Each structure stands twice: as C-alpha cells, then as structure tokens.
mmCIF file of all heavy atoms, coordinates in Angstrom:
data_MODEL
# 
_entry.id   MODEL 
# 
loop_
_atom_site.group_PDB 
_atom_site.id 
_atom_site.type_symbol 
_atom_site.label_atom_id 
_atom_site.label_alt_id 
_atom_site.label_comp_id 
_atom_site.label_asym_id 
_atom_site.label_entity_id 
_atom_site.label_seq_id 
_atom_site.pdbx_PDB_ins_code 
_atom_site.Cartn_x 
_atom_site.Cartn_y 
_atom_site.Cartn_z 
_atom_site.occupancy 
_atom_site.B_iso_or_equiv 
_atom_site.pdbx_formal_charge 
_atom_site.auth_seq_id 
_atom_site.auth_comp_id 
_atom_site.auth_asym_id 
_atom_site.auth_atom_id 
_atom_site.pdbx_PDB_model_num 
ATOM 1   N N   . ALA A 1 1  ? 0.821  -1.208  0.000   1.00 0.00 ? 1  ALA A N   1 
ATOM 2   C CA  . ALA A 1 1  ? 0.000  0.000   0.000   1.00 0.00 ? 1  ALA A CA  1 
ATOM 3   C C   . ALA A 1 1  ? 0.856  1.259   0.000   1.00 0.00 ? 1  ALA A C   1 
ATOM 4   O O   . ALA A 1 1  ? 0.486  2.282   -0.590  1.00 0.00 ? 1  ALA A O   1 
ATOM 5   C CB  . ALA A 1 1  ? -0.931 0.004   1.221   1.00 0.00 ? 1  ALA A CB  1 
ATOM 6   N N   . LEU A 1 2  ? 2.014  1.167   0.625   1.00 0.00 ? 2  LEU A N   1 
ATOM 7   C CA  . LEU A 1 2  ? 2.901  2.329   0.718   1.00 0.00 ? 2  LEU A CA  1 
ATOM 8   C C   . LEU A 1 2  ? 3.900  2.383   -0.438  1.00 0.00 ? 2  LEU A C   1 
ATOM 9   O O   . LEU A 1 2  ? 4.133  3.455   -1.012  1.00 0.00 ? 2  LEU A O   1 
ATOM 10  C CB  . LEU A 1 2  ? 3.668  2.286   2.047   1.00 0.00 ? 2  LEU A CB  1 
ATOM 11  C CG  . LEU A 1 2  ? 4.703  3.388   2.292   1.00 0.00 ? 2  LEU A CG  1 
ATOM 12  C CD1 . LEU A 1 2  ? 4.012  4.747   2.362   1.00 0.00 ? 2  LEU A CD1 1 
ATOM 13  C CD2 . LEU A 1 2  ? 5.481  3.121   3.570   1.00 0.00 ? 2  LEU A CD2 1 
ATOM 14  N N   . LEU A 1 3  ? 4.471  1.240   -0.800  1.00 0.00 ? 3  LEU A N   1 
ATOM 15  C CA  . LEU A 1 3  ? 5.567  1.222   -1.767  1.00 0.00 ? 3  LEU A CA  1 
ATOM 16  C C   . LEU A 1 3  ? 5.180  0.695   -3.141  1.00 0.00 ? 3  LEU A C   1 
ATOM 17  O O   . LEU A 1 3  ? 5.974  0.750   -4.073  1.00 0.00 ? 3  LEU A O   1 
ATOM 18  C CB  . LEU A 1 3  ? 6.723  0.371   -1.205  1.00 0.00 ? 3  LEU A CB  1 
ATOM 19  C CG  . LEU A 1 3  ? 7.273  0.818   0.159   1.00 0.00 ? 3  LEU A CG  1 
ATOM 20  C CD1 . LEU A 1 3  ? 8.272  -0.197  0.679   1.00 0.00 ? 3  LEU A CD1 1 
ATOM 21  C CD2 . LEU A 1 3  ? 7.908  2.190   0.065   1.00 0.00 ? 3  LEU A CD2 1 
ATOM 22  N N   . GLY A 1 4  ? 3.983  0.172   -3.292  1.00 0.00 ? 4  GLY A N   1 
ATOM 23  C CA  . GLY A 1 4  ? 3.579  -0.397  -4.572  1.00 0.00 ? 4  GLY A CA  1 
ATOM 24  C C   . GLY A 1 4  ? 3.912  -1.877  -4.653  1.00 0.00 ? 4  GLY A C   1 
ATOM 25  O O   . GLY A 1 4  ? 4.627  -2.417  -3.812  1.00 0.00 ? 4  GLY A O   1 
ATOM 26  N N   . ARG A 1 5  ? 3.379  -2.529  -5.677  1.00 0.00 ? 5  ARG A N   1 
ATOM 27  C CA  . ARG A 1 5  ? 3.562  -3.979  -5.773  1.00 0.00 ? 5  ARG A CA  1 
ATOM 28  C C   . ARG A 1 5  ? 5.006  -4.339  -6.087  1.00 0.00 ? 5  ARG A C   1 
ATOM 29  O O   . ARG A 1 5  ? 5.752  -3.563  -6.702  1.00 0.00 ? 5  ARG A O   1 
ATOM 30  C CB  . ARG A 1 5  ? 2.632  -4.553  -6.836  1.00 0.00 ? 5  ARG A CB  1 
ATOM 31  C CG  . ARG A 1 5  ? 3.019  -4.233  -8.273  1.00 0.00 ? 5  ARG A CG  1 
ATOM 32  C CD  . ARG A 1 5  ? 2.156  -5.030  -9.241  1.00 0.00 ? 5  ARG A CD  1 
ATOM 33  N NE  . ARG A 1 5  ? 2.614  -4.867  -10.622 1.00 0.00 ? 5  ARG A NE  1 
ATOM 34  C CZ  . ARG A 1 5  ? 2.208  -5.622  -11.626 1.00 0.00 ? 5  ARG A CZ  1 
ATOM 35  N NH1 . ARG A 1 5  ? 1.316  -6.577  -11.416 1.00 0.00 ? 5  ARG A NH1 1 
ATOM 36  N NH2 . ARG A 1 5  ? 2.666  -5.427  -12.851 1.00 0.00 ? 5  ARG A NH2 1 
ATOM 37  N N   . ARG A 1 6  ? 5.378  -5.546  -5.671  1.00 0.00 ? 6  ARG A N   1 
ATOM 38  C CA  . ARG A 1 6  ? 6.728  -6.053  -5.905  1.00 0.00 ? 6  ARG A CA  1 
ATOM 39  C C   . ARG A 1 6  ? 6.729  -6.963  -7.132  1.00 0.00 ? 6  ARG A C   1 
ATOM 40  O O   . ARG A 1 6  ? 5.741  -7.655  -7.405  1.00 0.00 ? 6  ARG A O   1 
ATOM 41  C CB  . ARG A 1 6  ? 7.229  -6.813  -4.682  1.00 0.00 ? 6  ARG A CB  1 
ATOM 42  C CG  . ARG A 1 6  ? 7.400  -5.927  -3.452  1.00 0.00 ? 6  ARG A CG  1 
ATOM 43  C CD  . ARG A 1 6  ? 7.797  -6.738  -2.227  1.00 0.00 ? 6  ARG A CD  1 
ATOM 44  N NE  . ARG A 1 6  ? 6.915  -7.873  -2.046  1.00 0.00 ? 6  ARG A NE  1 
ATOM 45  C CZ  . ARG A 1 6  ? 7.324  -9.137  -2.057  1.00 0.00 ? 6  ARG A CZ  1 
ATOM 46  N NH1 . ARG A 1 6  ? 8.597  -9.430  -2.247  1.00 0.00 ? 6  ARG A NH1 1 
ATOM 47  N NH2 . ARG A 1 6  ? 6.464  -10.124 -1.877  1.00 0.00 ? 6  ARG A NH2 1 
ATOM 48  N N   . VAL A 1 7  ? 7.832  -6.960  -7.850  1.00 0.00 ? 7  VAL A N   1 
ATOM 49  C CA  . VAL A 1 7  ? 7.958  -7.749  -9.077  1.00 0.00 ? 7  VAL A CA  1 
ATOM 50  C C   . VAL A 1 7  ? 9.332  -8.409  -9.115  1.00 0.00 ? 7  VAL A C   1 
ATOM 51  O O   . VAL A 1 7  ? 10.283 -7.930  -8.491  1.00 0.00 ? 7  VAL A O   1 
ATOM 52  C CB  . VAL A 1 7  ? 7.792  -6.850  -10.331 1.00 0.00 ? 7  VAL A CB  1 
ATOM 53  C CG1 . VAL A 1 7  ? 6.362  -6.347  -10.452 1.00 0.00 ? 7  VAL A CG1 1 
ATOM 54  C CG2 . VAL A 1 7  ? 8.785  -5.691  -10.303 1.00 0.00 ? 7  VAL A CG2 1 
ATOM 55  N N   . PRO A 1 8  ? 9.466  -9.522  -9.864  1.00 0.00 ? 8  PRO A N   1 
ATOM 56  C CA  . PRO A 1 8  ? 10.788 -10.130 -10.047 1.00 0.00 ? 8  PRO A CA  1 
ATOM 57  C C   . PRO A 1 8  ? 11.605 -9.299  -11.033 1.00 0.00 ? 8  PRO A C   1 
ATOM 58  O O   . PRO A 1 8  ? 11.068 -8.834  -12.048 1.00 0.00 ? 8  PRO A O   1 
ATOM 59  C CB  . PRO A 1 8  ? 10.470 -11.519 -10.612 1.00 0.00 ? 8  PRO A CB  1 
ATOM 60  C CG  . PRO A 1 8  ? 9.151  -11.338 -11.293 1.00 0.00 ? 8  PRO A CG  1 
ATOM 61  C CD  . PRO A 1 8  ? 8.396  -10.309 -10.499 1.00 0.00 ? 8  PRO A CD  1 
ATOM 62  N N   . THR A 1 9  ? 12.870 -9.116  -10.745 1.00 0.00 ? 9  THR A N   1 
ATOM 63  C CA  . THR A 1 9  ? 13.709 -8.256  -11.594 1.00 0.00 ? 9  THR A CA  1 
ATOM 64  C C   . THR A 1 9  ? 15.074 -8.881  -11.859 1.00 0.00 ? 9  THR A C   1 
ATOM 65  O O   . THR A 1 9  ? 15.567 -9.708  -11.088 1.00 0.00 ? 9  THR A O   1 
ATOM 66  C CB  . THR A 1 9  ? 13.938 -6.880  -10.932 1.00 0.00 ? 9  THR A CB  1 
ATOM 67  O OG1 . THR A 1 9  ? 14.645 -7.061  -9.691  1.00 0.00 ? 9  THR A OG1 1 
ATOM 68  C CG2 . THR A 1 9  ? 12.625 -6.169  -10.667 1.00 0.00 ? 9  THR A CG2 1 
ATOM 69  N N   . VAL A 1 10 ? 15.673 -8.453  -12.960 1.00 0.00 ? 10 VAL A N   1 
ATOM 70  C CA  . VAL A 1 10 ? 17.065 -8.766  -13.274 1.00 0.00 ? 10 VAL A CA  1 
ATOM 71  C C   . VAL A 1 10 ? 17.792 -7.441  -13.413 1.00 0.00 ? 10 VAL A C   1 
ATOM 72  O O   . VAL A 1 10 ? 17.303 -6.528  -14.092 1.00 0.00 ? 10 VAL A O   1 
ATOM 73  C CB  . VAL A 1 10 ? 17.186 -9.561  -14.587 1.00 0.00 ? 10 VAL A CB  1 
ATOM 74  C CG1 . VAL A 1 10 ? 18.646 -9.652  -15.024 1.00 0.00 ? 10 VAL A CG1 1 
ATOM 75  C CG2 . VAL A 1 10 ? 16.605 -10.960 -14.427 1.00 0.00 ? 10 VAL A CG2 1 
ATOM 76  N N   . SER A 1 11 ? 18.940 -7.320  -12.755 1.00 0.00 ? 11 SER A N   1 
ATOM 77  C CA  . SER A 1 11 ? 19.736 -6.090  -12.846 1.00 0.00 ? 11 SER A CA  1 
ATOM 78  C C   . SER A 1 11 ? 21.176 -6.430  -13.201 1.00 0.00 ? 11 SER A C   1 
ATOM 79  O O   . SER A 1 11 ? 21.696 -7.474  -12.797 1.00 0.00 ? 11 SER A O   1 
ATOM 80  C CB  . SER A 1 11 ? 19.709 -5.325  -11.519 1.00 0.00 ? 11 SER A CB  1 
ATOM 81  O OG  . SER A 1 11 ? 18.395 -4.945  -11.177 1.00 0.00 ? 11 SER A OG  1 
ATOM 82  N N   . VAL A 1 12 ? 21.800 -5.540  -13.943 1.00 0.00 ? 12 VAL A N   1 
ATOM 83  C CA  . VAL A 1 12 ? 23.223 -5.665  -14.273 1.00 0.00 ? 12 VAL A CA  1 
ATOM 84  C C   . VAL A 1 12 ? 23.880 -4.319  -13.997 1.00 0.00 ? 12 VAL A C   1 
ATOM 85  O O   . VAL A 1 12 ? 23.437 -3.287  -14.509 1.00 0.00 ? 12 VAL A O   1 
ATOM 86  C CB  . VAL A 1 12 ? 23.446 -6.050  -15.743 1.00 0.00 ? 12 VAL A CB  1 
ATOM 87  C CG1 . VAL A 1 12 ? 24.949 -6.141  -16.034 1.00 0.00 ? 12 VAL A CG1 1 
ATOM 88  C CG2 . VAL A 1 12 ? 22.763 -7.378  -16.076 1.00 0.00 ? 12 VAL A CG2 1 
ATOM 89  N N   . THR A 1 13 ? 24.913 -4.340  -13.197 1.00 0.00 ? 13 THR A N   1 
ATOM 90  C CA  . THR A 1 13 ? 25.661 -3.119  -12.892 1.00 0.00 ? 13 THR A CA  1 
ATOM 91  C C   . THR A 1 13 ? 27.082 -3.273  -13.428 1.00 0.00 ? 13 THR A C   1 
ATOM 92  O O   . THR A 1 13 ? 27.788 -4.223  -13.074 1.00 0.00 ? 13 THR A O   1 
ATOM 93  C CB  . THR A 1 13 ? 25.696 -2.842  -11.379 1.00 0.00 ? 13 THR A CB  1 
ATOM 94  O OG1 . THR A 1 13 ? 24.359 -2.742  -10.890 1.00 0.00 ? 13 THR A OG1 1 
ATOM 95  C CG2 . THR A 1 13 ? 26.439 -1.553  -11.077 1.00 0.00 ? 13 THR A CG2 1 
ATOM 96  N N   . ALA A 1 14 ? 27.478 -2.362  -14.298 1.00 0.00 ? 14 ALA A N   1 
ATOM 97  C CA  . ALA A 1 14 ? 28.801 -2.448  -14.928 1.00 0.00 ? 14 ALA A CA  1 
ATOM 98  C C   . ALA A 1 14 ? 29.046 -1.187  -15.745 1.00 0.00 ? 14 ALA A C   1 
ATOM 99  O O   . ALA A 1 14 ? 28.181 -0.292  -15.803 1.00 0.00 ? 14 ALA A O   1 
ATOM 100 C CB  . ALA A 1 14 ? 28.887 -3.681  -15.834 1.00 0.00 ? 14 ALA A CB  1 
ATOM 101 N N   . ASP A 1 15 ? 30.212 -1.128  -16.367 1.00 0.00 ? 15 ASP A N   1 
ATOM 102 C CA  . ASP A 1 15 ? 30.464 -0.103  -17.367 1.00 0.00 ? 15 ASP A CA  1 
ATOM 103 C C   . ASP A 1 15 ? 29.315 -0.139  -18.378 1.00 0.00 ? 15 ASP A C   1 
ATOM 104 O O   . ASP A 1 15 ? 28.810 -1.211  -18.729 1.00 0.00 ? 15 ASP A O   1 
ATOM 105 C CB  . ASP A 1 15 ? 31.799 -0.401  -18.055 1.00 0.00 ? 15 ASP A CB  1 
ATOM 106 C CG  . ASP A 1 15 ? 32.068 0.532   -19.215 1.00 0.00 ? 15 ASP A CG  1 
ATOM 107 O OD1 . ASP A 1 15 ? 32.606 1.620   -18.986 1.00 0.00 ? 15 ASP A OD1 1 
ATOM 108 O OD2 . ASP A 1 15 ? 31.711 0.140   -20.360 1.00 0.00 ? 15 ASP A OD2 1 
ATOM 109 N N   . SER A 1 16 ? 28.877 1.019   -18.830 1.00 0.00 ? 16 SER A N   1 
ATOM 110 C CA  . SER A 1 16 ? 27.672 1.125   -19.647 1.00 0.00 ? 16 SER A CA  1 
ATOM 111 C C   . SER A 1 16 ? 27.621 0.118   -20.802 1.00 0.00 ? 16 SER A C   1 
ATOM 112 O O   . SER A 1 16 ? 26.626 -0.580  -21.003 1.00 0.00 ? 16 SER A O   1 
ATOM 113 C CB  . SER A 1 16 ? 27.565 2.556   -20.203 1.00 0.00 ? 16 SER A CB  1 
ATOM 114 O OG  . SER A 1 16 ? 26.375 2.707   -20.932 1.00 0.00 ? 16 SER A OG  1 
ATOM 115 N N   . THR A 1 17 ? 28.698 0.009   -21.570 1.00 0.00 ? 17 THR A N   1 
ATOM 116 C CA  . THR A 1 17 ? 28.694 -0.908  -22.723 1.00 0.00 ? 17 THR A CA  1 
ATOM 117 C C   . THR A 1 17 ? 28.639 -2.356  -22.295 1.00 0.00 ? 17 THR A C   1 
ATOM 118 O O   . THR A 1 17 ? 27.924 -3.173  -22.884 1.00 0.00 ? 17 THR A O   1 
ATOM 119 C CB  . THR A 1 17 ? 29.979 -0.732  -23.546 1.00 0.00 ? 17 THR A CB  1 
ATOM 120 O OG1 . THR A 1 17 ? 30.443 0.588   -23.461 1.00 0.00 ? 17 THR A OG1 1 
ATOM 121 C CG2 . THR A 1 17 ? 29.741 -1.032  -24.990 1.00 0.00 ? 17 THR A CG2 1 
ATOM 122 N N   . ILE A 1 18 ? 29.394 -2.684  -21.260 1.00 0.00 ? 18 ILE A N   1 
ATOM 123 C CA  . ILE A 1 18 ? 29.416 -4.059  -20.758 1.00 0.00 ? 18 ILE A CA  1 
ATOM 124 C C   . ILE A 1 18 ? 28.054 -4.428  -20.164 1.00 0.00 ? 18 ILE A C   1 
ATOM 125 O O   . ILE A 1 18 ? 27.554 -5.537  -20.364 1.00 0.00 ? 18 ILE A O   1 
ATOM 126 C CB  . ILE A 1 18 ? 30.526 -4.229  -19.698 1.00 0.00 ? 18 ILE A CB  1 
ATOM 127 C CG1 . ILE A 1 18 ? 31.892 -3.932  -20.301 1.00 0.00 ? 18 ILE A CG1 1 
ATOM 128 C CG2 . ILE A 1 18 ? 30.483 -5.619  -19.095 1.00 0.00 ? 18 ILE A CG2 1 
ATOM 129 C CD1 . ILE A 1 18 ? 32.283 -4.843  -21.453 1.00 0.00 ? 18 ILE A CD1 1 
ATOM 130 N N   . ALA A 1 19 ? 27.444 -3.495  -19.436 1.00 0.00 ? 19 ALA A N   1 
ATOM 131 C CA  . ALA A 1 19 ? 26.142 -3.752  -18.815 1.00 0.00 ? 19 ALA A CA  1 
ATOM 132 C C   . ALA A 1 19 ? 25.113 -4.132  -19.878 1.00 0.00 ? 19 ALA A C   1 
ATOM 133 O O   . ALA A 1 19 ? 24.330 -5.079  -19.701 1.00 0.00 ? 19 ALA A O   1 
ATOM 134 C CB  . ALA A 1 19 ? 25.679 -2.530  -18.024 1.00 0.00 ? 19 ALA A CB  1 
ATOM 135 N N   . GLU A 1 20 ? 25.110 -3.402  -20.988 1.00 0.00 ? 20 GLU A N   1 
ATOM 136 C CA  . GLU A 1 20 ? 24.149 -3.715  -22.046 1.00 0.00 ? 20 GLU A CA  1 
ATOM 137 C C   . GLU A 1 20 ? 24.445 -5.081  -22.659 1.00 0.00 ? 20 GLU A C   1 
ATOM 138 O O   . GLU A 1 20 ? 23.518 -5.869  -22.922 1.00 0.00 ? 20 GLU A O   1 
ATOM 139 C CB  . GLU A 1 20 ? 24.187 -2.635  -23.136 1.00 0.00 ? 20 GLU A CB  1 
ATOM 140 C CG  . GLU A 1 20 ? 23.205 -2.921  -24.271 1.00 0.00 ? 20 GLU A CG  1 
ATOM 141 C CD  . GLU A 1 20 ? 23.066 -1.783  -25.269 1.00 0.00 ? 20 GLU A CD  1 
ATOM 142 O OE1 . GLU A 1 20 ? 23.527 -0.656  -24.953 1.00 0.00 ? 20 GLU A OE1 1 
ATOM 143 O OE2 . GLU A 1 20 ? 22.492 -2.018  -26.352 1.00 0.00 ? 20 GLU A OE2 1 
ATOM 144 N N   . LYS A 1 21 ? 25.708 -5.372  -22.885 1.00 0.00 ? 21 LYS A N   1 
ATOM 145 C CA  . LYS A 1 21 ? 26.084 -6.660  -23.472 1.00 0.00 ? 21 LYS A CA  1 
ATOM 146 C C   . LYS A 1 21 ? 25.617 -7.821  -22.585 1.00 0.00 ? 21 LYS A C   1 
ATOM 147 O O   . LYS A 1 21 ? 25.041 -8.810  -23.072 1.00 0.00 ? 21 LYS A O   1 
ATOM 148 C CB  . LYS A 1 21 ? 27.604 -6.714  -23.656 1.00 0.00 ? 21 LYS A CB  1 
ATOM 149 C CG  . LYS A 1 21 ? 28.122 -8.013  -24.239 1.00 0.00 ? 21 LYS A CG  1 
ATOM 150 C CD  . LYS A 1 21 ? 29.638 -7.928  -24.442 1.00 0.00 ? 21 LYS A CD  1 
ATOM 151 C CE  . LYS A 1 21 ? 30.192 -9.218  -25.067 1.00 0.00 ? 21 LYS A CE  1 
ATOM 152 N NZ  . LYS A 1 21 ? 31.654 -9.122  -25.317 1.00 0.00 ? 21 LYS A NZ  1 
ATOM 153 N N   . VAL A 1 22 ? 25.854 -7.698  -21.274 1.00 0.00 ? 22 VAL A N   1 
ATOM 154 C CA  . VAL A 1 22 ? 25.470 -8.755  -20.339 1.00 0.00 ? 22 VAL A CA  1 
ATOM 155 C C   . VAL A 1 22 ? 23.949 -8.872  -20.246 1.00 0.00 ? 22 VAL A C   1 
ATOM 156 O O   . VAL A 1 22 ? 23.399 -9.988  -20.243 1.00 0.00 ? 22 VAL A O   1 
ATOM 157 C CB  . VAL A 1 22 ? 26.085 -8.493  -18.947 1.00 0.00 ? 22 VAL A CB  1 
ATOM 158 C CG1 . VAL A 1 22 ? 25.577 -9.521  -17.935 1.00 0.00 ? 22 VAL A CG1 1 
ATOM 159 C CG2 . VAL A 1 22 ? 27.611 -8.523  -19.018 1.00 0.00 ? 22 VAL A CG2 1 
ATOM 160 N N   . MET A 1 23 ? 23.251 -7.743  -20.199 1.00 0.00 ? 23 MET A N   1 
ATOM 161 C CA  . MET A 1 23 ? 21.794 -7.779  -20.091 1.00 0.00 ? 23 MET A CA  1 
ATOM 162 C C   . MET A 1 23 ? 21.166 -8.420  -21.325 1.00 0.00 ? 23 MET A C   1 
ATOM 163 O O   . MET A 1 23 ? 20.215 -9.216  -21.214 1.00 0.00 ? 23 MET A O   1 
ATOM 164 C CB  . MET A 1 23 ? 21.247 -6.362  -19.890 1.00 0.00 ? 23 MET A CB  1 
ATOM 165 C CG  . MET A 1 23 ? 19.727 -6.302  -19.722 1.00 0.00 ? 23 MET A CG  1 
ATOM 166 S SD  . MET A 1 23 ? 19.144 -7.153  -18.224 1.00 0.00 ? 23 MET A SD  1 
ATOM 167 C CE  . MET A 1 23 ? 19.174 -5.788  -17.042 1.00 0.00 ? 23 MET A CE  1 
ATOM 168 N N   . ARG A 1 24 ? 21.669 -8.114  -22.496 1.00 0.00 ? 24 ARG A N   1 
ATOM 169 C CA  . ARG A 1 24 ? 21.103 -8.677  -23.736 1.00 0.00 ? 24 ARG A CA  1 
ATOM 170 C C   . ARG A 1 24 ? 21.275 -10.202 -23.789 1.00 0.00 ? 24 ARG A C   1 
ATOM 171 O O   . ARG A 1 24 ? 20.459 -10.895 -24.395 1.00 0.00 ? 24 ARG A O   1 
ATOM 172 C CB  . ARG A 1 24 ? 21.743 -8.016  -24.959 1.00 0.00 ? 24 ARG A CB  1 
ATOM 173 C CG  . ARG A 1 24 ? 21.283 -6.577  -25.189 1.00 0.00 ? 24 ARG A CG  1 
ATOM 174 C CD  . ARG A 1 24 ? 21.781 -6.030  -26.509 1.00 0.00 ? 24 ARG A CD  1 
ATOM 175 N NE  . ARG A 1 24 ? 21.339 -4.662  -26.734 1.00 0.00 ? 24 ARG A NE  1 
ATOM 176 C CZ  . ARG A 1 24 ? 20.135 -4.321  -27.193 1.00 0.00 ? 24 ARG A CZ  1 
ATOM 177 N NH1 . ARG A 1 24 ? 19.243 -5.279  -27.482 1.00 0.00 ? 24 ARG A NH1 1 
ATOM 178 N NH2 . ARG A 1 24 ? 19.824 -3.042  -27.368 1.00 0.00 ? 24 ARG A NH2 1 
ATOM 179 N N   . GLU A 1 25 ? 22.311 -10.730 -23.145 1.00 0.00 ? 25 GLU A N   1 
ATOM 180 C CA  . GLU A 1 25 ? 22.509 -12.174 -23.113 1.00 0.00 ? 25 GLU A CA  1 
ATOM 181 C C   . GLU A 1 25 ? 21.734 -12.835 -21.971 1.00 0.00 ? 25 GLU A C   1 
ATOM 182 O O   . GLU A 1 25 ? 21.329 -14.002 -22.071 1.00 0.00 ? 25 GLU A O   1 
ATOM 183 C CB  . GLU A 1 25 ? 24.003 -12.500 -22.962 1.00 0.00 ? 25 GLU A CB  1 
ATOM 184 C CG  . GLU A 1 25 ? 24.859 -12.100 -24.151 1.00 0.00 ? 25 GLU A CG  1 
ATOM 185 C CD  . GLU A 1 25 ? 24.625 -12.981 -25.377 1.00 0.00 ? 25 GLU A CD  1 
ATOM 186 O OE1 . GLU A 1 25 ? 23.852 -13.966 -25.287 1.00 0.00 ? 25 GLU A OE1 1 
ATOM 187 O OE2 . GLU A 1 25 ? 25.209 -12.684 -26.429 1.00 0.00 ? 25 GLU A OE2 1 
ATOM 188 N N   . THR A 1 26 ? 21.526 -12.088 -20.881 1.00 0.00 ? 26 THR A N   1 
ATOM 189 C CA  . THR A 1 26 ? 20.891 -12.665 -19.692 1.00 0.00 ? 26 THR A CA  1 
ATOM 190 C C   . THR A 1 26 ? 19.378 -12.798 -19.846 1.00 0.00 ? 26 THR A C   1 
ATOM 191 O O   . THR A 1 26 ? 18.800 -13.853 -19.499 1.00 0.00 ? 26 THR A O   1 
ATOM 192 C CB  . THR A 1 26 ? 21.205 -11.799 -18.458 1.00 0.00 ? 26 THR A CB  1 
ATOM 193 O OG1 . THR A 1 26 ? 22.617 -11.746 -18.251 1.00 0.00 ? 26 THR A OG1 1 
ATOM 194 C CG2 . THR A 1 26 ? 20.536 -12.372 -17.216 1.00 0.00 ? 26 THR A CG2 1 
ATOM 195 N N   . LEU A 1 27 ? 18.701 -11.757 -20.341 1.00 0.00 ? 27 LEU A N   1 
ATOM 196 C CA  . LEU A 1 27 ? 17.239 -11.779 -20.345 1.00 0.00 ? 27 LEU A CA  1 
ATOM 197 C C   . LEU A 1 27 ? 16.623 -12.953 -21.104 1.00 0.00 ? 27 LEU A C   1 
ATOM 198 O O   . LEU A 1 27 ? 15.612 -13.524 -20.633 1.00 0.00 ? 27 LEU A O   1 
ATOM 199 C CB  . LEU A 1 27 ? 16.702 -10.437 -20.896 1.00 0.00 ? 27 LEU A CB  1 
ATOM 200 C CG  . LEU A 1 27 ? 16.808 -9.251  -19.922 1.00 0.00 ? 27 LEU A CG  1 
ATOM 201 C CD1 . LEU A 1 27 ? 16.194 -7.999  -20.559 1.00 0.00 ? 27 LEU A CD1 1 
ATOM 202 C CD2 . LEU A 1 27 ? 16.122 -9.566  -18.600 1.00 0.00 ? 27 LEU A CD2 1 
# 
C-alpha cells in the first residue's frame, strides 16, 4: 500500500557498454 507492488527483476551493474552486453545475453 505504501511502496507499490513487488515484481521479479534482473539487474546488471557495470560499465555502460558491458552492462548492455550482459543484459542482452541474460534476459
């Protein structure tokens, strides 16, 4: 009620180019 509904997520933290590369392979 206070914070909104929760959802499953995938996150990648890295140098911008590397983060995109890893995310595109992970999802």
